[in-house]
Amino acid sequence: MLDEELKKQLSNKFSSELKGNVKLILFGQDNDCTFCRELEDFTKEVSTLSDKLSHESHPLSSPERAKHGVERAPSLVVYSEENDTSATFCGVPGNHFFRTFIEDIIDASRGSPRISGDLLEKAKSIDFPVKLMVFVSQSCPYCPPAVKAAHDISLANPLVKAEMVDTSLFRQLAQRFMVMGVPRTIINNKSQVAGAQPLSELLSQVLSVNEKP
């Protein structure tokens, strides 16, 4: 899936920027699943580009899903075992999202996202469980910043689970939350944030959820 030149570039980038170990954990459907196979091949290929990367694969029925807050397949979790933080992609992180995926790997390896100190402290201050779902389409150029903002929070705080949700794969879920346009971020299954908001605004929205009755 990756051409030789890109693999060489990524290998060099990982060699210079990865600090700690990162697991790429795939959760697939228990029955045959085309996108699951595609995502597994992709994940295995990326994991060969650094000795700090490893790959695991589990069926959705695995008890491992609860540990990572995974509810649907295919899901790919970028996981820092040392910090118990993660970033999840429900769908293939291709097209505009490939860069986000690579940035998440590097941030997970570093132990925290590369954001300003005050925003990092604000993300770490969240003291209640948070689930962020960012609905996207693969053709949306405005969606990756929304995904990265959510992932920055989850990579800073183990109480936060954040996932990119590809609306083309999870149409019923998008319909359940009446997603008419993307990106749209759902906070704890109730509050919604439309568009690609700055990280500071998303953090304010997340913190306000715990204040609502």
Foldseek 3Di string as FASTA:
>chain_A
DDDPVVLVVLLVVCVPQFAAAKEKEWEAAPDDDPQSVVQQVVQVSSQVSDPSYYYYYYYPPDPVCVLQVDDDPGKIWTAQPVQLFIEMERTHLDALRPVVVSQLNSQSRVQAHPDDPVLLVLLQPDDAAKEKEWEDANPDNQANLQSSLLSRSRSSYNSYYYYYHHCVVVVVVCVVVVPPDDGWMDMPNPDIDHTNDDSVVVSVVNVCVVVDD
